[in-house]
Amino acid sequence: MEILILVVAMIVVGLVMGAIANAIWKDDPPMSVQGTTIVSVITAVAVGFLDWYVIPAMGFSDTIKYLGIATEPALSVLLVLWIIRRARK
């Protein structure tokens, strides 16, 4: 059940961060709004799963795991979208 909640939460984070990225970078998008949304959802889910499994394997507490899951996917989405924008220029 926790995995389902994680996936749904990361999809929501991806959608929100995709919308925020479209609002931040309005000039000449390298891909469509749908492309940005798809990339942001995939990135958020992938980083969320990595945080869910890798942080406890490294020996950190559950508090650090949940803190990482709450912040890192959102920041990773912005980083990946920024890298795509720089690579397409």
PDB file of N, CA and C in Angstrom:
ATOM      1  N   MET A   1       0.819  -1.189   0.000  1.00  0.00           N
ATOM      2  CA  MET A   1       0.000   0.000   0.000  1.00  0.00           C
ATOM      3  C   MET A   1       0.865   1.257   0.000  1.00  0.00           C
ATOM      4  N   GLU A   2       2.005   1.192   0.683  1.00  0.00           N
ATOM      5  CA  GLU A   2       2.893   2.358   0.726  1.00  0.00           C
ATOM      6  C   GLU A   2       3.449   2.683  -0.654  1.00  0.00           C
ATOM      7  N   ILE A   3       3.724   1.662  -1.451  1.00  0.00           N
ATOM      8  CA  ILE A   3       4.259   1.879  -2.797  1.00  0.00           C
ATOM      9  C   ILE A   3       3.224   2.584  -3.666  1.00  0.00           C
ATOM     10  N   LEU A   4       1.962   2.201  -3.551  1.00  0.00           N
ATOM     11  CA  LEU A   4       0.908   2.853  -4.319  1.00  0.00           C
ATOM     12  C   LEU A   4       0.801   4.333  -3.947  1.00  0.00           C
ATOM     13  N   ILE A   5       0.853   4.623  -2.666  1.00  0.00           N
ATOM     14  CA  ILE A   5       0.817   6.015  -2.212  1.00  0.00           C
ATOM     15  C   ILE A   5       2.034   6.767  -2.728  1.00  0.00           C
ATOM     16  N   LEU A   6       3.203   6.134  -2.723  1.00  0.00           N
ATOM     17  CA  LEU A   6       4.413   6.759  -3.242  1.00  0.00           C
ATOM     18  C   LEU A   6       4.275   7.086  -4.722  1.00  0.00           C
ATOM     19  N   VAL A   7       3.772   6.144  -5.501  1.00  0.00           N
ATOM     20  CA  VAL A   7       3.627   6.369  -6.948  1.00  0.00           C
ATOM     21  C   VAL A   7       2.642   7.505  -7.216  1.00  0.00           C
ATOM     22  N   VAL A   8       1.507   7.506  -6.538  1.00  0.00           N
ATOM     23  CA  VAL A   8       0.519   8.569  -6.733  1.00  0.00           C
ATOM     24  C   VAL A   8       1.100   9.920  -6.325  1.00  0.00           C
ATOM     25  N   ALA A   9       1.798   9.960  -5.204  1.00  0.00           N
ATOM     26  CA  ALA A   9       2.395  11.219  -4.747  1.00  0.00           C
ATOM     27  C   ALA A   9       3.454  11.713  -5.724  1.00  0.00           C
ATOM     28  N   MET A  10       4.254  10.812  -6.275  1.00  0.00           N
ATOM     29  CA  MET A  10       5.296  11.238  -7.218  1.00  0.00           C
ATOM     30  C   MET A  10       4.695  11.683  -8.549  1.00  0.00           C
ATOM     31  N   ILE A  11       3.578  11.088  -8.954  1.00  0.00           N
ATOM     32  CA  ILE A  11       2.897  11.560 -10.155  1.00  0.00           C
ATOM     33  C   ILE A  11       2.377  12.975  -9.949  1.00  0.00           C
ATOM     34  N   VAL A  12       1.797  13.218  -8.782  1.00  0.00           N
ATOM     35  CA  VAL A  12       1.317  14.573  -8.468  1.00  0.00           C
ATOM     36  C   VAL A  12       2.481  15.558  -8.422  1.00  0.00           C
ATOM     37  N   VAL A  13       3.584  15.164  -7.801  1.00  0.00           N
ATOM     38  CA  VAL A  13       4.763  16.038  -7.751  1.00  0.00           C
ATOM     39  C   VAL A  13       5.269  16.321  -9.167  1.00  0.00           C
ATOM     40  N   GLY A  14       5.304  15.312 -10.013  1.00  0.00           N
ATOM     41  CA  GLY A  14       5.745  15.507 -11.388  1.00  0.00           C
ATOM     42  C   GLY A  14       4.842  16.455 -12.155  1.00  0.00           C
ATOM     43  N   LEU A  15       3.530  16.315 -11.982  1.00  0.00           N
ATOM     44  CA  LEU A  15       2.596  17.207 -12.657  1.00  0.00           C
ATOM     45  C   LEU A  15       2.747  18.650 -12.179  1.00  0.00           C
ATOM     46  N   VAL A  16       2.861  18.824 -10.879  1.00  0.00           N
ATOM     47  CA  VAL A  16       3.004  20.175 -10.331  1.00  0.00           C
ATOM     48  C   VAL A  16       4.324  20.803 -10.761  1.00  0.00           C
ATOM     49  N   MET A  17       5.405  20.049 -10.686  1.00  0.00           N
ATOM     50  CA  MET A  17       6.706  20.612 -11.064  1.00  0.00           C
ATOM     51  C   MET A  17       6.789  20.855 -12.563  1.00  0.00           C
ATOM     52  N   GLY A  18       6.108  20.055 -13.375  1.00  0.00           N
ATOM     53  CA  GLY A  18       6.049  20.324 -14.806  1.00  0.00           C
ATOM     54  C   GLY A  18       5.336  21.635 -15.091  1.00  0.00           C
ATOM     55  N   ALA A  19       4.247  21.892 -14.374  1.00  0.00           N
ATOM     56  CA  ALA A  19       3.521  23.156 -14.534  1.00  0.00           C
ATOM     57  C   ALA A  19       4.368  24.329 -14.058  1.00  0.00           C
ATOM     58  N   ILE A  20       5.075  24.148 -12.959  1.00  0.00           N
ATOM     59  CA  ILE A  20       5.946  25.213 -12.454  1.00  0.00           C
ATOM     60  C   ILE A  20       7.080  25.479 -13.435  1.00  0.00           C
ATOM     61  N   ALA A  21       7.644  24.433 -14.003  1.00  0.00           N
ATOM     62  CA  ALA A  21       8.731  24.610 -14.968  1.00  0.00           C
ATOM     63  C   ALA A  21       8.240  25.340 -16.212  1.00  0.00           C
ATOM     64  N   ASN A  22       7.028  25.035 -16.665  1.00  0.00           N
ATOM     65  CA  ASN A  22       6.470  25.759 -17.808  1.00  0.00           C
ATOM     66  C   ASN A  22       6.238  27.227 -17.475  1.00  0.00           C
ATOM     67  N   ALA A  23       5.907  27.518 -16.227  1.00  0.00           N
ATOM     68  CA  ALA A  23       5.711  28.912 -15.826  1.00  0.00           C
ATOM     69  C   ALA A  23       7.047  29.644 -15.672  1.00  0.00           C
ATOM     70  N   ILE A  24       8.077  28.939 -15.224  1.00  0.00           N
ATOM     71  CA  ILE A  24       9.388  29.562 -15.033  1.00  0.00           C
ATOM     72  C   ILE A  24      10.032  29.862 -16.372  1.00  0.00           C
ATOM     73  N   TRP A  25      10.078  28.864 -17.257  1.00  0.00           N
ATOM     74  CA  TRP A  25      10.759  28.999 -18.547  1.00  0.00           C
ATOM     75  C   TRP A  25       9.717  29.132 -19.651  1.00  0.00           C
ATOM     76  N   LYS A  26       9.276  30.348 -19.897  1.00  0.00           N
ATOM     77  CA  LYS A  26       8.241  30.581 -20.899  1.00  0.00           C
ATOM     78  C   LYS A  26       8.813  30.731 -22.297  1.00  0.00           C
ATOM     79  N   ASP A  27      10.064  31.088 -22.415  1.00  0.00           N
ATOM     80  CA  ASP A  27      10.645  31.403 -23.719  1.00  0.00           C
ATOM     81  C   ASP A  27      11.062  30.152 -24.483  1.00  0.00           C
ATOM     82  N   ASP A  28      10.546  30.004 -25.688  1.00  0.00           N
ATOM     83  CA  ASP A  28      10.961  28.978 -26.640  1.00  0.00           C
ATOM     84  C   ASP A  28      11.176  27.599 -26.012  1.00  0.00           C
ATOM     85  N   PRO A  29      10.101  26.910 -25.629  1.00  0.00           N
ATOM     86  CA  PRO A  29      10.268  25.593 -25.010  1.00  0.00           C
ATOM     87  C   PRO A  29      10.834  24.574 -26.001  1.00  0.00           C
ATOM     88  N   PRO A  30      11.780  23.749 -25.568  1.00  0.00           N
ATOM     89  CA  PRO A  30      12.365  22.756 -26.477  1.00  0.00           C
ATOM     90  C   PRO A  30      11.418  21.612 -26.786  1.00  0.00           C
ATOM     91  N   MET A  31      10.410  21.418 -25.958  1.00  0.00           N
ATOM     92  CA  MET A  31       9.412  20.393 -26.216  1.00  0.00           C
ATOM     93  C   MET A  31       8.052  20.949 -25.813  1.00  0.00           C
ATOM     94  N   SER A  32       7.012  20.265 -26.163  1.00  0.00           N
ATOM     95  CA  SER A  32       5.665  20.752 -25.874  1.00  0.00           C
ATOM     96  C   SER A  32       5.355  20.651 -24.383  1.00  0.00           C
ATOM     97  N   VAL A  33       4.206  21.182 -24.021  1.00  0.00           N
ATOM     98  CA  VAL A  33       3.764  21.098 -22.623  1.00  0.00           C
ATOM     99  C   VAL A  33       3.574  19.635 -22.226  1.00  0.00           C
ATOM    100  N   GLN A  34       3.062  18.839 -23.138  1.00  0.00           N
ATOM    101  CA  GLN A  34       2.867  17.419 -22.854  1.00  0.00           C
ATOM    102  C   GLN A  34       4.214  16.720 -22.670  1.00  0.00           C
ATOM    103  N   GLY A  35       5.195  17.078 -23.475  1.00  0.00           N
ATOM    104  CA  GLY A  35       6.527  16.493 -23.335  1.00  0.00           C
ATOM    105  C   GLY A  35       7.161  16.844 -22.008  1.00  0.00           C
ATOM    106  N   THR A  36       7.011  18.108 -21.607  1.00  0.00           N
ATOM    107  CA  THR A  36       7.539  18.542 -20.311  1.00  0.00           C
ATOM    108  C   THR A  36       6.857  17.791 -19.182  1.00  0.00           C
ATOM    109  N   THR A  37       5.552  17.610 -19.286  1.00  0.00           N
ATOM    110  CA  THR A  37       4.806  16.901 -18.246  1.00  0.00           C
ATOM    111  C   THR A  37       5.228  15.436 -18.169  1.00  0.00           C
ATOM    112  N   ILE A  38       5.387  14.789 -19.296  1.00  0.00           N
ATOM    113  CA  ILE A  38       5.789  13.380 -19.308  1.00  0.00           C
ATOM    114  C   ILE A  38       7.183  13.209 -18.713  1.00  0.00           C
ATOM    115  N   VAL A  39       8.120  14.067 -19.112  1.00  0.00           N
ATOM    116  CA  VAL A  39       9.485  13.989 -18.571  1.00  0.00           C
ATOM    117  C   VAL A  39       9.478  14.240 -17.072  1.00  0.00           C
ATOM    118  N   SER A  40       8.686  15.208 -16.615  1.00  0.00           N
ATOM    119  CA  SER A  40       8.670  15.520 -15.185  1.00  0.00           C
ATOM    120  C   SER A  40       8.054  14.392 -14.362  1.00  0.00           C
ATOM    121  N   VAL A  41       7.015  13.746 -14.863  1.00  0.00           N
ATOM    122  CA  VAL A  41       6.401  12.632 -14.126  1.00  0.00           C
ATOM    123  C   VAL A  41       7.353  11.443 -14.069  1.00  0.00           C
ATOM    124  N   ILE A  42       7.978  11.112 -15.190  1.00  0.00           N
ATOM    125  CA  ILE A  42       8.920   9.988 -15.209  1.00  0.00           C
ATOM    126  C   ILE A  42      10.097  10.246 -14.272  1.00  0.00           C
ATOM    127  N   THR A  43      10.622  11.465 -14.291  1.00  0.00           N
ATOM    128  CA  THR A  43      11.747  11.803 -13.420  1.00  0.00           C
ATOM    129  C   THR A  43      11.344  11.727 -11.953  1.00  0.00           C
ATOM    130  N   ALA A  44      10.182  12.271 -11.609  1.00  0.00           N
ATOM    131  CA  ALA A  44       9.747  12.262 -10.213  1.00  0.00           C
ATOM    132  C   ALA A  44       9.528  10.841  -9.706  1.00  0.00           C
ATOM    133  N   VAL A  45       8.913   9.989 -10.513  1.00  0.00           N
ATOM    134  CA  VAL A  45       8.670   8.601 -10.088  1.00  0.00           C
ATOM    135  C   VAL A  45       9.996   7.849  -9.943  1.00  0.00           C
ATOM    136  N   ALA A  46      10.900   8.026 -10.887  1.00  0.00           N
ATOM    137  CA  ALA A  46      12.194   7.332 -10.818  1.00  0.00           C
ATOM    138  C   ALA A  46      12.998   7.766  -9.601  1.00  0.00           C
ATOM    139  N   VAL A  47      13.076   9.054  -9.358  1.00  0.00           N
ATOM    140  CA  VAL A  47      13.846   9.542  -8.203  1.00  0.00           C
ATOM    141  C   VAL A  47      13.146   9.162  -6.897  1.00  0.00           C
ATOM    142  N   GLY A  48      11.828   9.165  -6.890  1.00  0.00           N
ATOM    143  CA  GLY A  48      11.091   8.739  -5.691  1.00  0.00           C
ATOM    144  C   GLY A  48      11.379   7.289  -5.330  1.00  0.00           C
ATOM    145  N   PHE A  49      11.383   6.406  -6.347  1.00  0.00           N
ATOM    146  CA  PHE A  49      11.719   5.002  -6.092  1.00  0.00           C
ATOM    147  C   PHE A  49      13.171   4.844  -5.640  1.00  0.00           C
ATOM    148  N   LEU A  50      14.072   5.589  -6.250  1.00  0.00           N
ATOM    149  CA  LEU A  50      15.470   5.522  -5.812  1.00  0.00           C
ATOM    150  C   LEU A  50      15.603   5.939  -4.354  1.00  0.00           C
ATOM    151  N   ASP A  51      14.940   7.018  -3.990  1.00  0.00           N
ATOM    152  CA  ASP A  51      14.994   7.456  -2.595  1.00  0.00           C
ATOM    153  C   ASP A  51      14.368   6.427  -1.661  1.00  0.00           C
ATOM    154  N   TRP A  52      13.289   5.813  -2.096  1.00  0.00           N
ATOM    155  CA  TRP A  52      12.577   4.855  -1.254  1.00  0.00           C
ATOM    156  C   TRP A  52      13.439   3.636  -0.932  1.00  0.00           C
ATOM    157  N   TYR A  53      14.239   3.181  -1.899  1.00  0.00           N
ATOM    158  CA  TYR A  53      15.023   1.972  -1.695  1.00  0.00           C
ATOM    159  C   TYR A  53      16.486   2.222  -1.348  1.00  0.00           C
ATOM    160  N   VAL A  54      17.081   3.279  -1.873  1.00  0.00           N
ATOM    161  CA  VAL A  54      18.515   3.486  -1.695  1.00  0.00           C
ATOM    162  C   VAL A  54      18.844   4.127  -0.347  1.00  0.00           C
ATOM    163  N   ILE A  55      18.055   5.097   0.089  1.00  0.00           N
ATOM    164  CA  ILE A  55      18.364   5.782   1.352  1.00  0.00           C
ATOM    165  C   ILE A  55      18.372   4.814   2.535  1.00  0.00           C
ATOM    166  N   PRO A  56      17.375   3.920   2.697  1.00  0.00           N
ATOM    167  CA  PRO A  56      17.459   2.955   3.802  1.00  0.00           C
ATOM    168  C   PRO A  56      18.620   1.971   3.633  1.00  0.00           C
ATOM    169  N   ALA A  57      18.956   1.614   2.385  1.00  0.00           N
ATOM    170  CA  ALA A  57      20.070   0.690   2.164  1.00  0.00           C
ATOM    171  C   ALA A  57      21.395   1.317   2.571  1.00  0.00           C
ATOM    172  N   MET A  58      21.461   2.635   2.553  1.00  0.00           N
ATOM    173  CA  MET A  58      22.678   3.330   2.966  1.00  0.00           C
ATOM    174  C   MET A  58      22.769   3.470   4.482  1.00  0.00           C
ATOM    175  N   GLY A  59      21.703   3.102   5.194  1.00  0.00           N
ATOM    176  CA  GLY A  59      21.736   3.105   6.635  1.00  0.00           C
ATOM    177  C   GLY A  59      21.139   4.335   7.283  1.00  0.00           C
ATOM    178  N   PHE A  60      20.476   5.182   6.507  1.00  0.00           N
ATOM    179  CA  PHE A  60      19.862   6.372   7.077  1.00  0.00           C
ATOM    180  C   PHE A  60      18.511   6.030   7.687  1.00  0.00           C
ATOM    181  N   SER A  61      18.029   6.894   8.555  1.00  0.00           N
ATOM    182  CA  SER A  61      16.773   6.650   9.260  1.00  0.00           C
ATOM    183  C   SER A  61      15.573   6.923   8.359  1.00  0.00           C
ATOM    184  N   ASP A  62      14.398   6.560   8.857  1.00  0.00           N
ATOM    185  CA  ASP A  62      13.169   6.812   8.102  1.00  0.00           C
ATOM    186  C   ASP A  62      12.901   8.305   7.951  1.00  0.00           C
ATOM    187  N   THR A  63      13.325   9.091   8.908  1.00  0.00           N
ATOM    188  CA  THR A  63      13.134  10.538   8.812  1.00  0.00           C
ATOM    189  C   THR A  63      13.869  11.104   7.612  1.00  0.00           C
ATOM    190  N   ILE A  64      15.098  10.690   7.417  1.00  0.00           N
ATOM    191  CA  ILE A  64      15.884  11.148   6.269  1.00  0.00           C
ATOM    192  C   ILE A  64      15.261  10.627   4.977  1.00  0.00           C
ATOM    193  N   LYS A  65      14.750   9.385   4.998  1.00  0.00           N
ATOM    194  CA  LYS A  65      14.116   8.815   3.815  1.00  0.00           C
ATOM    195  C   LYS A  65      12.914   9.650   3.404  1.00  0.00           C
ATOM    196  N   TYR A  66      12.053   9.984   4.341  1.00  0.00           N
ATOM    197  CA  TYR A  66      10.857  10.755   4.001  1.00  0.00           C
ATOM    198  C   TYR A  66      11.204  12.195   3.628  1.00  0.00           C
ATOM    199  N   LEU A  67      12.226  12.747   4.227  1.00  0.00           N
ATOM    200  CA  LEU A  67      12.683  14.092   3.853  1.00  0.00           C
ATOM    201  C   LEU A  67      13.230  14.088   2.429  1.00  0.00           C
ATOM    202  N   GLY A  68      13.984  13.061   2.087  1.00  0.00           N
ATOM    203  CA  GLY A  68      14.502  12.934   0.729  1.00  0.00           C
ATOM    204  C   GLY A  68      13.398  12.739  -0.292  1.00  0.00           C
ATOM    205  N   ILE A  69      12.406  11.934   0.048  1.00  0.00           N
ATOM    206  CA  ILE A  69      11.285  11.692  -0.863  1.00  0.00           C
ATOM    207  C   ILE A  69      10.453  12.957  -1.043  1.00  0.00           C
ATOM    208  N   ALA A  70      10.395  13.792  -0.015  1.00  0.00           N
ATOM    209  CA  ALA A  70       9.598  15.012  -0.105  1.00  0.00           C
ATOM    210  C   ALA A  70      10.273  16.103  -0.926  1.00  0.00           C
ATOM    211  N   THR A  71      11.589  16.142  -0.955  1.00  0.00           N
ATOM    212  CA  THR A  71      12.272  17.263  -1.618  1.00  0.00           C
ATOM    213  C   THR A  71      13.010  16.882  -2.897  1.00  0.00           C
ATOM    214  N   GLU A  72      13.668  15.774  -2.903  1.00  0.00           N
ATOM    215  CA  GLU A  72      14.571  15.447  -4.008  1.00  0.00           C
ATOM    216  C   GLU A  72      13.883  15.250  -5.362  1.00  0.00           C
ATOM    217  N   PRO A  73      12.733  14.577  -5.455  1.00  0.00           N
ATOM    218  CA  PRO A  73      12.106  14.449  -6.781  1.00  0.00           C
ATOM    219  C   PRO A  73      11.728  15.790  -7.406  1.00  0.00           C
ATOM    220  N   ALA A  74      11.252  16.717  -6.602  1.00  0.00           N
ATOM    221  CA  ALA A  74      10.874  18.029  -7.135  1.00  0.00           C
ATOM    222  C   ALA A  74      12.093  18.768  -7.670  1.00  0.00           C
ATOM    223  N   LEU A  75      13.166  18.734  -6.931  1.00  0.00           N
ATOM    224  CA  LEU A  75      14.381  19.405  -7.387  1.00  0.00           C
ATOM    225  C   LEU A  75      14.991  18.691  -8.591  1.00  0.00           C
ATOM    226  N   SER A  76      14.889  17.381  -8.620  1.00  0.00           N
ATOM    227  CA  SER A  76      15.426  16.611  -9.739  1.00  0.00           C
ATOM    228  C   SER A  76      14.666  16.895 -11.036  1.00  0.00           C
ATOM    229  N   VAL A  77      13.360  17.080 -10.936  1.00  0.00           N
ATOM    230  CA  VAL A  77      12.567  17.406 -12.117  1.00  0.00           C
ATOM    231  C   VAL A  77      13.043  18.724 -12.721  1.00  0.00           C
ATOM    232  N   LEU A  78      13.215  19.731 -11.874  1.00  0.00           N
ATOM    233  CA  LEU A  78      13.685  21.021 -12.380  1.00  0.00           C
ATOM    234  C   LEU A  78      15.079  20.904 -12.988  1.00  0.00           C
ATOM    235  N   LEU A  79      15.951  20.113 -12.372  1.00  0.00           N
ATOM    236  CA  LEU A  79      17.298  19.938 -12.896  1.00  0.00           C
ATOM    237  C   LEU A  79      17.277  19.241 -14.253  1.00  0.00           C
ATOM    238  N   VAL A  80      16.490  18.180 -14.387  1.00  0.00           N
ATOM    239  CA  VAL A  80      16.427  17.450 -15.658  1.00  0.00           C
ATOM    240  C   VAL A  80      15.845  18.335 -16.753  1.00  0.00           C
ATOM    241  N   LEU A  81      14.796  19.074 -16.452  1.00  0.00           N
ATOM    242  CA  LEU A  81      14.205  19.954 -17.463  1.00  0.00           C
ATOM    243  C   LEU A  81      15.167  21.072 -17.858  1.00  0.00           C
ATOM    244  N   TRP A  82      15.924  21.581 -16.911  1.00  0.00           N
ATOM    245  CA  TRP A  82      16.925  22.607 -17.216  1.00  0.00           C
ATOM    246  C   TRP A  82      18.024  22.031 -18.120  1.00  0.00           C
ATOM    247  N   ILE A  83      18.476  20.819 -17.831  1.00  0.00           N
ATOM    248  CA  ILE A  83      19.508  20.168 -18.662  1.00  0.00           C
ATOM    249  C   ILE A  83      18.972  19.947 -20.076  1.00  0.00           C
ATOM    250  N   ILE A  84      17.724  19.527 -20.201  1.00  0.00           N
ATOM    251  CA  ILE A  84      17.143  19.338 -21.538  1.00  0.00           C
ATOM    252  C   ILE A  84      17.104  20.661 -22.290  1.00  0.00           C
ATOM    253  N   ARG A  85      16.737  21.736 -21.615  1.00  0.00           N
ATOM    254  CA  ARG A  85      16.697  23.048 -22.266  1.00  0.00           C
ATOM    255  C   ARG A  85      18.089  23.460 -22.729  1.00  0.00           C
ATOM    256  N   ARG A  86      19.079  23.254 -21.908  1.00  0.00           N
ATOM    257  CA  ARG A  86      20.459  23.632 -22.282  1.00  0.00           C
ATOM    258  C   ARG A  86      20.975  22.760 -23.417  1.00  0.00           C
ATOM    259  N   ALA A  87      20.608  21.497 -23.423  1.00  0.00           N
ATOM    260  CA  ALA A  87      21.099  20.585 -24.482  1.00  0.00           C
ATOM    261  C   ALA A  87      20.437  20.893 -25.823  1.00  0.00           C
ATOM    262  N   ARG A  88      19.226  21.374 -25.810  1.00  0.00           N
ATOM    263  CA  ARG A  88      18.510  21.658 -27.060  1.00  0.00           C
ATOM    264  C   ARG A  88      18.909  22.996 -27.691  1.00  0.00           C
ATOM    265  N   LYS A  89      19.603  23.859 -26.956  1.00  0.00           N
ATOM    266  CA  LYS A  89      19.997  25.169 -27.501  1.00  0.00           C
ATOM    267  C   LYS A  89      21.148  25.063 -28.434  1.00  0.00           C
TER     268      LYS A  89
END
